[in-house]
PDBML (XML) file of the C-alpha atoms, coordinates in Angstrom:
<?xml version="1.0" encoding="UTF-8" ?>
<PDBx:datablock datablockName="MODEL"
   xmlns:PDBx="http://pdbml.pdb.org/schema/pdbx-v50.xsd"
   xmlns:xsi="http://www.w3.org/2001/XMLSchema-instance"
   xsi:schemaLocation="http://pdbml.pdb.org/schema/pdbx-v50.xsd pdbx-v50.xsd">
   <PDBx:atom_siteCategory>
      <PDBx:atom_site id="1">
         <PDBx:B_iso_or_equiv>0.00</PDBx:B_iso_or_equiv>
         <PDBx:Cartn_x>-0.198</PDBx:Cartn_x>
         <PDBx:Cartn_y>-0.043</PDBx:Cartn_y>
         <PDBx:Cartn_z>0.156</PDBx:Cartn_z>
         <PDBx:auth_asym_id>A</PDBx:auth_asym_id>
         <PDBx:auth_atom_id>CA</PDBx:auth_atom_id>
         <PDBx:auth_comp_id>UNK</PDBx:auth_comp_id>
         <PDBx:auth_seq_id>1</PDBx:auth_seq_id>
         <PDBx:group_PDB>ATOM</PDBx:group_PDB>
         <PDBx:label_alt_id xsi:nil="true" />
         <PDBx:label_asym_id>A</PDBx:label_asym_id>
         <PDBx:label_atom_id>CA</PDBx:label_atom_id>
         <PDBx:label_comp_id>UNK</PDBx:label_comp_id>
         <PDBx:label_entity_id>1</PDBx:label_entity_id>
         <PDBx:label_seq_id>1</PDBx:label_seq_id>
         <PDBx:occupancy>1.00</PDBx:occupancy>
         <PDBx:pdbx_PDB_model_num>1</PDBx:pdbx_PDB_model_num>
         <PDBx:type_symbol>C</PDBx:type_symbol>
      </PDBx:atom_site>
      <PDBx:atom_site id="2">
         <PDBx:B_iso_or_equiv>0.00</PDBx:B_iso_or_equiv>
         <PDBx:Cartn_x>1.460</PDBx:Cartn_x>
         <PDBx:Cartn_y>3.185</PDBx:Cartn_y>
         <PDBx:Cartn_z>-1.307</PDBx:Cartn_z>
         <PDBx:auth_asym_id>A</PDBx:auth_asym_id>
         <PDBx:auth_atom_id>CA</PDBx:auth_atom_id>
         <PDBx:auth_comp_id>UNK</PDBx:auth_comp_id>
         <PDBx:auth_seq_id>2</PDBx:auth_seq_id>
         <PDBx:group_PDB>ATOM</PDBx:group_PDB>
         <PDBx:label_alt_id xsi:nil="true" />
         <PDBx:label_asym_id>A</PDBx:label_asym_id>
         <PDBx:label_atom_id>CA</PDBx:label_atom_id>
         <PDBx:label_comp_id>UNK</PDBx:label_comp_id>
         <PDBx:label_entity_id>1</PDBx:label_entity_id>
         <PDBx:label_seq_id>2</PDBx:label_seq_id>
         <PDBx:occupancy>1.00</PDBx:occupancy>
         <PDBx:pdbx_PDB_model_num>1</PDBx:pdbx_PDB_model_num>
         <PDBx:type_symbol>C</PDBx:type_symbol>
      </PDBx:atom_site>
      <PDBx:atom_site id="3">
         <PDBx:B_iso_or_equiv>0.00</PDBx:B_iso_or_equiv>
         <PDBx:Cartn_x>4.455</PDBx:Cartn_x>
         <PDBx:Cartn_y>1.833</PDBx:Cartn_y>
         <PDBx:Cartn_z>-2.675</PDBx:Cartn_z>
         <PDBx:auth_asym_id>A</PDBx:auth_asym_id>
         <PDBx:auth_atom_id>CA</PDBx:auth_atom_id>
         <PDBx:auth_comp_id>UNK</PDBx:auth_comp_id>
         <PDBx:auth_seq_id>3</PDBx:auth_seq_id>
         <PDBx:group_PDB>ATOM</PDBx:group_PDB>
         <PDBx:label_alt_id xsi:nil="true" />
         <PDBx:label_asym_id>A</PDBx:label_asym_id>
         <PDBx:label_atom_id>CA</PDBx:label_atom_id>
         <PDBx:label_comp_id>UNK</PDBx:label_comp_id>
         <PDBx:label_entity_id>1</PDBx:label_entity_id>
         <PDBx:label_seq_id>3</PDBx:label_seq_id>
         <PDBx:occupancy>1.00</PDBx:occupancy>
         <PDBx:pdbx_PDB_model_num>1</PDBx:pdbx_PDB_model_num>
         <PDBx:type_symbol>C</PDBx:type_symbol>
      </PDBx:atom_site>
      <PDBx:atom_site id="4">
         <PDBx:B_iso_or_equiv>0.00</PDBx:B_iso_or_equiv>
         <PDBx:Cartn_x>2.845</PDBx:Cartn_x>
         <PDBx:Cartn_y>0.707</PDBx:Cartn_y>
         <PDBx:Cartn_z>-6.221</PDBx:Cartn_z>
         <PDBx:auth_asym_id>A</PDBx:auth_asym_id>
         <PDBx:auth_atom_id>CA</PDBx:auth_atom_id>
         <PDBx:auth_comp_id>UNK</PDBx:auth_comp_id>
         <PDBx:auth_seq_id>4</PDBx:auth_seq_id>
         <PDBx:group_PDB>ATOM</PDBx:group_PDB>
         <PDBx:label_alt_id xsi:nil="true" />
         <PDBx:label_asym_id>A</PDBx:label_asym_id>
         <PDBx:label_atom_id>CA</PDBx:label_atom_id>
         <PDBx:label_comp_id>UNK</PDBx:label_comp_id>
         <PDBx:label_entity_id>1</PDBx:label_entity_id>
         <PDBx:label_seq_id>4</PDBx:label_seq_id>
         <PDBx:occupancy>1.00</PDBx:occupancy>
         <PDBx:pdbx_PDB_model_num>1</PDBx:pdbx_PDB_model_num>
         <PDBx:type_symbol>C</PDBx:type_symbol>
      </PDBx:atom_site>
      <PDBx:atom_site id="5">
         <PDBx:B_iso_or_equiv>0.00</PDBx:B_iso_or_equiv>
         <PDBx:Cartn_x>0.249</PDBx:Cartn_x>
         <PDBx:Cartn_y>2.776</PDBx:Cartn_y>
         <PDBx:Cartn_z>-8.054</PDBx:Cartn_z>
         <PDBx:auth_asym_id>A</PDBx:auth_asym_id>
         <PDBx:auth_atom_id>CA</PDBx:auth_atom_id>
         <PDBx:auth_comp_id>UNK</PDBx:auth_comp_id>
         <PDBx:auth_seq_id>5</PDBx:auth_seq_id>
         <PDBx:group_PDB>ATOM</PDBx:group_PDB>
         <PDBx:label_alt_id xsi:nil="true" />
         <PDBx:label_asym_id>A</PDBx:label_asym_id>
         <PDBx:label_atom_id>CA</PDBx:label_atom_id>
         <PDBx:label_comp_id>UNK</PDBx:label_comp_id>
         <PDBx:label_entity_id>1</PDBx:label_entity_id>
         <PDBx:label_seq_id>5</PDBx:label_seq_id>
         <PDBx:occupancy>1.00</PDBx:occupancy>
         <PDBx:pdbx_PDB_model_num>1</PDBx:pdbx_PDB_model_num>
         <PDBx:type_symbol>C</PDBx:type_symbol>
      </PDBx:atom_site>
      <PDBx:atom_site id="6">
         <PDBx:B_iso_or_equiv>0.00</PDBx:B_iso_or_equiv>
         <PDBx:Cartn_x>-1.677</PDBx:Cartn_x>
         <PDBx:Cartn_y>-0.236</PDBx:Cartn_y>
         <PDBx:Cartn_z>-9.131</PDBx:Cartn_z>
         <PDBx:auth_asym_id>A</PDBx:auth_asym_id>
         <PDBx:auth_atom_id>CA</PDBx:auth_atom_id>
         <PDBx:auth_comp_id>UNK</PDBx:auth_comp_id>
         <PDBx:auth_seq_id>6</PDBx:auth_seq_id>
         <PDBx:group_PDB>ATOM</PDBx:group_PDB>
         <PDBx:label_alt_id xsi:nil="true" />
         <PDBx:label_asym_id>A</PDBx:label_asym_id>
         <PDBx:label_atom_id>CA</PDBx:label_atom_id>
         <PDBx:label_comp_id>UNK</PDBx:label_comp_id>
         <PDBx:label_entity_id>1</PDBx:label_entity_id>
         <PDBx:label_seq_id>6</PDBx:label_seq_id>
         <PDBx:occupancy>1.00</PDBx:occupancy>
         <PDBx:pdbx_PDB_model_num>1</PDBx:pdbx_PDB_model_num>
         <PDBx:type_symbol>C</PDBx:type_symbol>
      </PDBx:atom_site>
      <PDBx:atom_site id="7">
         <PDBx:B_iso_or_equiv>0.00</PDBx:B_iso_or_equiv>
         <PDBx:Cartn_x>-2.447</PDBx:Cartn_x>
         <PDBx:Cartn_y>-1.556</PDBx:Cartn_y>
         <PDBx:Cartn_z>-5.301</PDBx:Cartn_z>
         <PDBx:auth_asym_id>A</PDBx:auth_asym_id>
         <PDBx:auth_atom_id>CA</PDBx:auth_atom_id>
         <PDBx:auth_comp_id>UNK</PDBx:auth_comp_id>
         <PDBx:auth_seq_id>7</PDBx:auth_seq_id>
         <PDBx:group_PDB>ATOM</PDBx:group_PDB>
         <PDBx:label_alt_id xsi:nil="true" />
         <PDBx:label_asym_id>A</PDBx:label_asym_id>
         <PDBx:label_atom_id>CA</PDBx:label_atom_id>
         <PDBx:label_comp_id>UNK</PDBx:label_comp_id>
         <PDBx:label_entity_id>1</PDBx:label_entity_id>
         <PDBx:label_seq_id>7</PDBx:label_seq_id>
         <PDBx:occupancy>1.00</PDBx:occupancy>
         <PDBx:pdbx_PDB_model_num>1</PDBx:pdbx_PDB_model_num>
         <PDBx:type_symbol>C</PDBx:type_symbol>
      </PDBx:atom_site>
      <PDBx:atom_site id="8">
         <PDBx:B_iso_or_equiv>0.00</PDBx:B_iso_or_equiv>
         <PDBx:Cartn_x>-5.035</PDBx:Cartn_x>
         <PDBx:Cartn_y>-4.627</PDBx:Cartn_y>
         <PDBx:Cartn_z>-6.101</PDBx:Cartn_z>
         <PDBx:auth_asym_id>A</PDBx:auth_asym_id>
         <PDBx:auth_atom_id>CA</PDBx:auth_atom_id>
         <PDBx:auth_comp_id>UNK</PDBx:auth_comp_id>
         <PDBx:auth_seq_id>8</PDBx:auth_seq_id>
         <PDBx:group_PDB>ATOM</PDBx:group_PDB>
         <PDBx:label_alt_id xsi:nil="true" />
         <PDBx:label_asym_id>A</PDBx:label_asym_id>
         <PDBx:label_atom_id>CA</PDBx:label_atom_id>
         <PDBx:label_comp_id>UNK</PDBx:label_comp_id>
         <PDBx:label_entity_id>1</PDBx:label_entity_id>
         <PDBx:label_seq_id>8</PDBx:label_seq_id>
         <PDBx:occupancy>1.00</PDBx:occupancy>
         <PDBx:pdbx_PDB_model_num>1</PDBx:pdbx_PDB_model_num>
         <PDBx:type_symbol>C</PDBx:type_symbol>
      </PDBx:atom_site>
      <PDBx:atom_site id="9">
         <PDBx:B_iso_or_equiv>0.00</PDBx:B_iso_or_equiv>
         <PDBx:Cartn_x>-3.141</PDBx:Cartn_x>
         <PDBx:Cartn_y>-5.634</PDBx:Cartn_y>
         <PDBx:Cartn_z>-9.141</PDBx:Cartn_z>
         <PDBx:auth_asym_id>A</PDBx:auth_asym_id>
         <PDBx:auth_atom_id>CA</PDBx:auth_atom_id>
         <PDBx:auth_comp_id>UNK</PDBx:auth_comp_id>
         <PDBx:auth_seq_id>9</PDBx:auth_seq_id>
         <PDBx:group_PDB>ATOM</PDBx:group_PDB>
         <PDBx:label_alt_id xsi:nil="true" />
         <PDBx:label_asym_id>A</PDBx:label_asym_id>
         <PDBx:label_atom_id>CA</PDBx:label_atom_id>
         <PDBx:label_comp_id>UNK</PDBx:label_comp_id>
         <PDBx:label_entity_id>1</PDBx:label_entity_id>
         <PDBx:label_seq_id>9</PDBx:label_seq_id>
         <PDBx:occupancy>1.00</PDBx:occupancy>
         <PDBx:pdbx_PDB_model_num>1</PDBx:pdbx_PDB_model_num>
         <PDBx:type_symbol>C</PDBx:type_symbol>
      </PDBx:atom_site>
      <PDBx:atom_site id="10">
         <PDBx:B_iso_or_equiv>0.00</PDBx:B_iso_or_equiv>
         <PDBx:Cartn_x>0.313</PDBx:Cartn_x>
         <PDBx:Cartn_y>-6.118</PDBx:Cartn_y>
         <PDBx:Cartn_z>-7.220</PDBx:Cartn_z>
         <PDBx:auth_asym_id>A</PDBx:auth_asym_id>
         <PDBx:auth_atom_id>CA</PDBx:auth_atom_id>
         <PDBx:auth_comp_id>UNK</PDBx:auth_comp_id>
         <PDBx:auth_seq_id>10</PDBx:auth_seq_id>
         <PDBx:group_PDB>ATOM</PDBx:group_PDB>
         <PDBx:label_alt_id xsi:nil="true" />
         <PDBx:label_asym_id>A</PDBx:label_asym_id>
         <PDBx:label_atom_id>CA</PDBx:label_atom_id>
         <PDBx:label_comp_id>UNK</PDBx:label_comp_id>
         <PDBx:label_entity_id>1</PDBx:label_entity_id>
         <PDBx:label_seq_id>10</PDBx:label_seq_id>
         <PDBx:occupancy>1.00</PDBx:occupancy>
         <PDBx:pdbx_PDB_model_num>1</PDBx:pdbx_PDB_model_num>
         <PDBx:type_symbol>C</PDBx:type_symbol>
      </PDBx:atom_site>
      <PDBx:atom_site id="11">
         <PDBx:B_iso_or_equiv>0.00</PDBx:B_iso_or_equiv>
         <PDBx:Cartn_x>-1.839</PDBx:Cartn_x>
         <PDBx:Cartn_y>-7.995</PDBx:Cartn_y>
         <PDBx:Cartn_z>-4.068</PDBx:Cartn_z>
         <PDBx:auth_asym_id>A</PDBx:auth_asym_id>
         <PDBx:auth_atom_id>CA</PDBx:auth_atom_id>
         <PDBx:auth_comp_id>UNK</PDBx:auth_comp_id>
         <PDBx:auth_seq_id>11</PDBx:auth_seq_id>
         <PDBx:group_PDB>ATOM</PDBx:group_PDB>
         <PDBx:label_alt_id xsi:nil="true" />
         <PDBx:label_asym_id>A</PDBx:label_asym_id>
         <PDBx:label_atom_id>CA</PDBx:label_atom_id>
         <PDBx:label_comp_id>UNK</PDBx:label_comp_id>
         <PDBx:label_entity_id>1</PDBx:label_entity_id>
         <PDBx:label_seq_id>11</PDBx:label_seq_id>
         <PDBx:occupancy>1.00</PDBx:occupancy>
         <PDBx:pdbx_PDB_model_num>1</PDBx:pdbx_PDB_model_num>
         <PDBx:type_symbol>C</PDBx:type_symbol>
      </PDBx:atom_site>
      <PDBx:atom_site id="12">
         <PDBx:B_iso_or_equiv>0.00</PDBx:B_iso_or_equiv>
         <PDBx:Cartn_x>-3.582</PDBx:Cartn_x>
         <PDBx:Cartn_y>-10.004</PDBx:Cartn_y>
         <PDBx:Cartn_z>-6.983</PDBx:Cartn_z>
         <PDBx:auth_asym_id>A</PDBx:auth_asym_id>
         <PDBx:auth_atom_id>CA</PDBx:auth_atom_id>
         <PDBx:auth_comp_id>UNK</PDBx:auth_comp_id>
         <PDBx:auth_seq_id>12</PDBx:auth_seq_id>
         <PDBx:group_PDB>ATOM</PDBx:group_PDB>
         <PDBx:label_alt_id xsi:nil="true" />
         <PDBx:label_asym_id>A</PDBx:label_asym_id>
         <PDBx:label_atom_id>CA</PDBx:label_atom_id>
         <PDBx:label_comp_id>UNK</PDBx:label_comp_id>
         <PDBx:label_entity_id>1</PDBx:label_entity_id>
         <PDBx:label_seq_id>12</PDBx:label_seq_id>
         <PDBx:occupancy>1.00</PDBx:occupancy>
         <PDBx:pdbx_PDB_model_num>1</PDBx:pdbx_PDB_model_num>
         <PDBx:type_symbol>C</PDBx:type_symbol>
      </PDBx:atom_site>
      <PDBx:atom_site id="13">
         <PDBx:B_iso_or_equiv>0.00</PDBx:B_iso_or_equiv>
         <PDBx:Cartn_x>-0.163</PDBx:Cartn_x>
         <PDBx:Cartn_y>-11.238</PDBx:Cartn_y>
         <PDBx:Cartn_z>-8.395</PDBx:Cartn_z>
         <PDBx:auth_asym_id>A</PDBx:auth_asym_id>
         <PDBx:auth_atom_id>CA</PDBx:auth_atom_id>
         <PDBx:auth_comp_id>UNK</PDBx:auth_comp_id>
         <PDBx:auth_seq_id>13</PDBx:auth_seq_id>
         <PDBx:group_PDB>ATOM</PDBx:group_PDB>
         <PDBx:label_alt_id xsi:nil="true" />
         <PDBx:label_asym_id>A</PDBx:label_asym_id>
         <PDBx:label_atom_id>CA</PDBx:label_atom_id>
         <PDBx:label_comp_id>UNK</PDBx:label_comp_id>
         <PDBx:label_entity_id>1</PDBx:label_entity_id>
         <PDBx:label_seq_id>13</PDBx:label_seq_id>
         <PDBx:occupancy>1.00</PDBx:occupancy>
         <PDBx:pdbx_PDB_model_num>1</PDBx:pdbx_PDB_model_num>
         <PDBx:type_symbol>C</PDBx:type_symbol>
      </PDBx:atom_site>
      <PDBx:atom_site id="14">
         <PDBx:B_iso_or_equiv>0.00</PDBx:B_iso_or_equiv>
         <PDBx:Cartn_x>1.316</PDBx:Cartn_x>
         <PDBx:Cartn_y>-11.661</PDBx:Cartn_y>
         <PDBx:Cartn_z>-5.207</PDBx:Cartn_z>
         <PDBx:auth_asym_id>A</PDBx:auth_asym_id>
         <PDBx:auth_atom_id>CA</PDBx:auth_atom_id>
         <PDBx:auth_comp_id>UNK</PDBx:auth_comp_id>
         <PDBx:auth_seq_id>14</PDBx:auth_seq_id>
         <PDBx:group_PDB>ATOM</PDBx:group_PDB>
         <PDBx:label_alt_id xsi:nil="true" />
         <PDBx:label_asym_id>A</PDBx:label_asym_id>
         <PDBx:label_atom_id>CA</PDBx:label_atom_id>
         <PDBx:label_comp_id>UNK</PDBx:label_comp_id>
         <PDBx:label_entity_id>1</PDBx:label_entity_id>
         <PDBx:label_seq_id>14</PDBx:label_seq_id>
         <PDBx:occupancy>1.00</PDBx:occupancy>
         <PDBx:pdbx_PDB_model_num>1</PDBx:pdbx_PDB_model_num>
         <PDBx:type_symbol>C</PDBx:type_symbol>
      </PDBx:atom_site>
      <PDBx:atom_site id="15">
         <PDBx:B_iso_or_equiv>0.00</PDBx:B_iso_or_equiv>
         <PDBx:Cartn_x>-1.779</PDBx:Cartn_x>
         <PDBx:Cartn_y>-14.549</PDBx:Cartn_y>
         <PDBx:Cartn_z>-4.184</PDBx:Cartn_z>
         <PDBx:auth_asym_id>A</PDBx:auth_asym_id>
         <PDBx:auth_atom_id>CA</PDBx:auth_atom_id>
         <PDBx:auth_comp_id>UNK</PDBx:auth_comp_id>
         <PDBx:auth_seq_id>15</PDBx:auth_seq_id>
         <PDBx:group_PDB>ATOM</PDBx:group_PDB>
         <PDBx:label_alt_id xsi:nil="true" />
         <PDBx:label_asym_id>A</PDBx:label_asym_id>
         <PDBx:label_atom_id>CA</PDBx:label_atom_id>
         <PDBx:label_comp_id>UNK</PDBx:label_comp_id>
         <PDBx:label_entity_id>1</PDBx:label_entity_id>
         <PDBx:label_seq_id>15</PDBx:label_seq_id>
         <PDBx:occupancy>1.00</PDBx:occupancy>
         <PDBx:pdbx_PDB_model_num>1</PDBx:pdbx_PDB_model_num>
         <PDBx:type_symbol>C</PDBx:type_symbol>
      </PDBx:atom_site>
      <PDBx:atom_site id="16">
         <PDBx:B_iso_or_equiv>0.00</PDBx:B_iso_or_equiv>
         <PDBx:Cartn_x>-1.465</PDBx:Cartn_x>
         <PDBx:Cartn_y>-15.760</PDBx:Cartn_y>
         <PDBx:Cartn_z>-7.699</PDBx:Cartn_z>
         <PDBx:auth_asym_id>A</PDBx:auth_asym_id>
         <PDBx:auth_atom_id>CA</PDBx:auth_atom_id>
         <PDBx:auth_comp_id>UNK</PDBx:auth_comp_id>
         <PDBx:auth_seq_id>16</PDBx:auth_seq_id>
         <PDBx:group_PDB>ATOM</PDBx:group_PDB>
         <PDBx:label_alt_id xsi:nil="true" />
         <PDBx:label_asym_id>A</PDBx:label_asym_id>
         <PDBx:label_atom_id>CA</PDBx:label_atom_id>
         <PDBx:label_comp_id>UNK</PDBx:label_comp_id>
         <PDBx:label_entity_id>1</PDBx:label_entity_id>
         <PDBx:label_seq_id>16</PDBx:label_seq_id>
         <PDBx:occupancy>1.00</PDBx:occupancy>
         <PDBx:pdbx_PDB_model_num>1</PDBx:pdbx_PDB_model_num>
         <PDBx:type_symbol>C</PDBx:type_symbol>
      </PDBx:atom_site>
      <PDBx:atom_site id="17">
         <PDBx:B_iso_or_equiv>0.00</PDBx:B_iso_or_equiv>
         <PDBx:Cartn_x>1.855</PDBx:Cartn_x>
         <PDBx:Cartn_y>-17.041</PDBx:Cartn_y>
         <PDBx:Cartn_z>-6.864</PDBx:Cartn_z>
         <PDBx:auth_asym_id>A</PDBx:auth_asym_id>
         <PDBx:auth_atom_id>CA</PDBx:auth_atom_id>
         <PDBx:auth_comp_id>UNK</PDBx:auth_comp_id>
         <PDBx:auth_seq_id>17</PDBx:auth_seq_id>
         <PDBx:group_PDB>ATOM</PDBx:group_PDB>
         <PDBx:label_alt_id xsi:nil="true" />
         <PDBx:label_asym_id>A</PDBx:label_asym_id>
         <PDBx:label_atom_id>CA</PDBx:label_atom_id>
         <PDBx:label_comp_id>UNK</PDBx:label_comp_id>
         <PDBx:label_entity_id>1</PDBx:label_entity_id>
         <PDBx:label_seq_id>17</PDBx:label_seq_id>
         <PDBx:occupancy>1.00</PDBx:occupancy>
         <PDBx:pdbx_PDB_model_num>1</PDBx:pdbx_PDB_model_num>
         <PDBx:type_symbol>C</PDBx:type_symbol>
      </PDBx:atom_site>
      <PDBx:atom_site id="18">
         <PDBx:B_iso_or_equiv>0.00</PDBx:B_iso_or_equiv>
         <PDBx:Cartn_x>0.921</PDBx:Cartn_x>
         <PDBx:Cartn_y>-18.665</PDBx:Cartn_y>
         <PDBx:Cartn_z>-3.568</PDBx:Cartn_z>
         <PDBx:auth_asym_id>A</PDBx:auth_asym_id>
         <PDBx:auth_atom_id>CA</PDBx:auth_atom_id>
         <PDBx:auth_comp_id>UNK</PDBx:auth_comp_id>
         <PDBx:auth_seq_id>18</PDBx:auth_seq_id>
         <PDBx:group_PDB>ATOM</PDBx:group_PDB>
         <PDBx:label_alt_id xsi:nil="true" />
         <PDBx:label_asym_id>A</PDBx:label_asym_id>
         <PDBx:label_atom_id>CA</PDBx:label_atom_id>
         <PDBx:label_comp_id>UNK</PDBx:label_comp_id>
         <PDBx:label_entity_id>1</PDBx:label_entity_id>
         <PDBx:label_seq_id>18</PDBx:label_seq_id>
         <PDBx:occupancy>1.00</PDBx:occupancy>
         <PDBx:pdbx_PDB_model_num>1</PDBx:pdbx_PDB_model_num>
         <PDBx:type_symbol>C</PDBx:type_symbol>
      </PDBx:atom_site>
      <PDBx:atom_site id="19">
         <PDBx:B_iso_or_equiv>0.00</PDBx:B_iso_or_equiv>
         <PDBx:Cartn_x>-0.107</PDBx:Cartn_x>
         <PDBx:Cartn_y>-21.891</PDBx:Cartn_y>
         <PDBx:Cartn_z>-5.329</PDBx:Cartn_z>
         <PDBx:auth_asym_id>A</PDBx:auth_asym_id>
         <PDBx:auth_atom_id>CA</PDBx:auth_atom_id>
         <PDBx:auth_comp_id>UNK</PDBx:auth_comp_id>
         <PDBx:auth_seq_id>19</PDBx:auth_seq_id>
         <PDBx:group_PDB>ATOM</PDBx:group_PDB>
         <PDBx:label_alt_id xsi:nil="true" />
         <PDBx:label_asym_id>A</PDBx:label_asym_id>
         <PDBx:label_atom_id>CA</PDBx:label_atom_id>
         <PDBx:label_comp_id>UNK</PDBx:label_comp_id>
         <PDBx:label_entity_id>1</PDBx:label_entity_id>
         <PDBx:label_seq_id>19</PDBx:label_seq_id>
         <PDBx:occupancy>1.00</PDBx:occupancy>
         <PDBx:pdbx_PDB_model_num>1</PDBx:pdbx_PDB_model_num>
         <PDBx:type_symbol>C</PDBx:type_symbol>
      </PDBx:atom_site>
      <PDBx:atom_site id="20">
         <PDBx:B_iso_or_equiv>0.00</PDBx:B_iso_or_equiv>
         <PDBx:Cartn_x>-0.730</PDBx:Cartn_x>
         <PDBx:Cartn_y>-23.652</PDBx:Cartn_y>
         <PDBx:Cartn_z>-1.850</PDBx:Cartn_z>
         <PDBx:auth_asym_id>A</PDBx:auth_asym_id>
         <PDBx:auth_atom_id>CA</PDBx:auth_atom_id>
         <PDBx:auth_comp_id>UNK</PDBx:auth_comp_id>
         <PDBx:auth_seq_id>20</PDBx:auth_seq_id>
         <PDBx:group_PDB>ATOM</PDBx:group_PDB>
         <PDBx:label_alt_id xsi:nil="true" />
         <PDBx:label_asym_id>A</PDBx:label_asym_id>
         <PDBx:label_atom_id>CA</PDBx:label_atom_id>
         <PDBx:label_comp_id>UNK</PDBx:label_comp_id>
         <PDBx:label_entity_id>1</PDBx:label_entity_id>
         <PDBx:label_seq_id>20</PDBx:label_seq_id>
         <PDBx:occupancy>1.00</PDBx:occupancy>
         <PDBx:pdbx_PDB_model_num>1</PDBx:pdbx_PDB_model_num>
         <PDBx:type_symbol>C</PDBx:type_symbol>
      </PDBx:atom_site>
      <PDBx:atom_site id="21">
         <PDBx:B_iso_or_equiv>0.00</PDBx:B_iso_or_equiv>
         <PDBx:Cartn_x>-3.204</PDBx:Cartn_x>
         <PDBx:Cartn_y>-20.620</PDBx:Cartn_y>
         <PDBx:Cartn_z>-0.795</PDBx:Cartn_z>
         <PDBx:auth_asym_id>A</PDBx:auth_asym_id>
         <PDBx:auth_atom_id>CA</PDBx:auth_atom_id>
         <PDBx:auth_comp_id>UNK</PDBx:auth_comp_id>
         <PDBx:auth_seq_id>21</PDBx:auth_seq_id>
         <PDBx:group_PDB>ATOM</PDBx:group_PDB>
         <PDBx:label_alt_id xsi:nil="true" />
         <PDBx:label_asym_id>A</PDBx:label_asym_id>
         <PDBx:label_atom_id>CA</PDBx:label_atom_id>
         <PDBx:label_comp_id>UNK</PDBx:label_comp_id>
         <PDBx:label_entity_id>1</PDBx:label_entity_id>
         <PDBx:label_seq_id>21</PDBx:label_seq_id>
         <PDBx:occupancy>1.00</PDBx:occupancy>
         <PDBx:pdbx_PDB_model_num>1</PDBx:pdbx_PDB_model_num>
         <PDBx:type_symbol>C</PDBx:type_symbol>
      </PDBx:atom_site>
      <PDBx:atom_site id="22">
         <PDBx:B_iso_or_equiv>0.00</PDBx:B_iso_or_equiv>
         <PDBx:Cartn_x>-6.659</PDBx:Cartn_x>
         <PDBx:Cartn_y>-21.465</PDBx:Cartn_y>
         <PDBx:Cartn_z>0.477</PDBx:Cartn_z>
         <PDBx:auth_asym_id>A</PDBx:auth_asym_id>
         <PDBx:auth_atom_id>CA</PDBx:auth_atom_id>
         <PDBx:auth_comp_id>UNK</PDBx:auth_comp_id>
         <PDBx:auth_seq_id>22</PDBx:auth_seq_id>
         <PDBx:group_PDB>ATOM</PDBx:group_PDB>
         <PDBx:label_alt_id xsi:nil="true" />
         <PDBx:label_asym_id>A</PDBx:label_asym_id>
         <PDBx:label_atom_id>CA</PDBx:label_atom_id>
         <PDBx:label_comp_id>UNK</PDBx:label_comp_id>
         <PDBx:label_entity_id>1</PDBx:label_entity_id>
         <PDBx:label_seq_id>22</PDBx:label_seq_id>
         <PDBx:occupancy>1.00</PDBx:occupancy>
         <PDBx:pdbx_PDB_model_num>1</PDBx:pdbx_PDB_model_num>
         <PDBx:type_symbol>C</PDBx:type_symbol>
      </PDBx:atom_site>
      <PDBx:atom_site id="23">
         <PDBx:B_iso_or_equiv>0.00</PDBx:B_iso_or_equiv>
         <PDBx:Cartn_x>-9.763</PDBx:Cartn_x>
         <PDBx:Cartn_y>-19.954</PDBx:Cartn_y>
         <PDBx:Cartn_z>0.298</PDBx:Cartn_z>
         <PDBx:auth_asym_id>A</PDBx:auth_asym_id>
         <PDBx:auth_atom_id>CA</PDBx:auth_atom_id>
         <PDBx:auth_comp_id>UNK</PDBx:auth_comp_id>
         <PDBx:auth_seq_id>23</PDBx:auth_seq_id>
         <PDBx:group_PDB>ATOM</PDBx:group_PDB>
         <PDBx:label_alt_id xsi:nil="true" />
         <PDBx:label_asym_id>A</PDBx:label_asym_id>
         <PDBx:label_atom_id>CA</PDBx:label_atom_id>
         <PDBx:label_comp_id>UNK</PDBx:label_comp_id>
         <PDBx:label_entity_id>1</PDBx:label_entity_id>
         <PDBx:label_seq_id>23</PDBx:label_seq_id>
         <PDBx:occupancy>1.00</PDBx:occupancy>
         <PDBx:pdbx_PDB_model_num>1</PDBx:pdbx_PDB_model_num>
         <PDBx:type_symbol>C</PDBx:type_symbol>
      </PDBx:atom_site>
      <PDBx:atom_site id="24">
         <PDBx:B_iso_or_equiv>0.00</PDBx:B_iso_or_equiv>
         <PDBx:Cartn_x>-10.591</PDBx:Cartn_x>
         <PDBx:Cartn_y>-16.459</PDBx:Cartn_y>
         <PDBx:Cartn_z>-1.313</PDBx:Cartn_z>
         <PDBx:auth_asym_id>A</PDBx:auth_asym_id>
         <PDBx:auth_atom_id>CA</PDBx:auth_atom_id>
         <PDBx:auth_comp_id>UNK</PDBx:auth_comp_id>
         <PDBx:auth_seq_id>24</PDBx:auth_seq_id>
         <PDBx:group_PDB>ATOM</PDBx:group_PDB>
         <PDBx:label_alt_id xsi:nil="true" />
         <PDBx:label_asym_id>A</PDBx:label_asym_id>
         <PDBx:label_atom_id>CA</PDBx:label_atom_id>
         <PDBx:label_comp_id>UNK</PDBx:label_comp_id>
         <PDBx:label_entity_id>1</PDBx:label_entity_id>
         <PDBx:label_seq_id>24</PDBx:label_seq_id>
         <PDBx:occupancy>1.00</PDBx:occupancy>
         <PDBx:pdbx_PDB_model_num>1</PDBx:pdbx_PDB_model_num>
         <PDBx:type_symbol>C</PDBx:type_symbol>
      </PDBx:atom_site>
   </PDBx:atom_siteCategory>
</PDBx:datablock>
């Protein structure tokens, strides 16, 4: 937050890389 212009796309990219992530 505040470090990138496109906050939600950056969060989405991080979560998409977490292959073992559960839930949404």
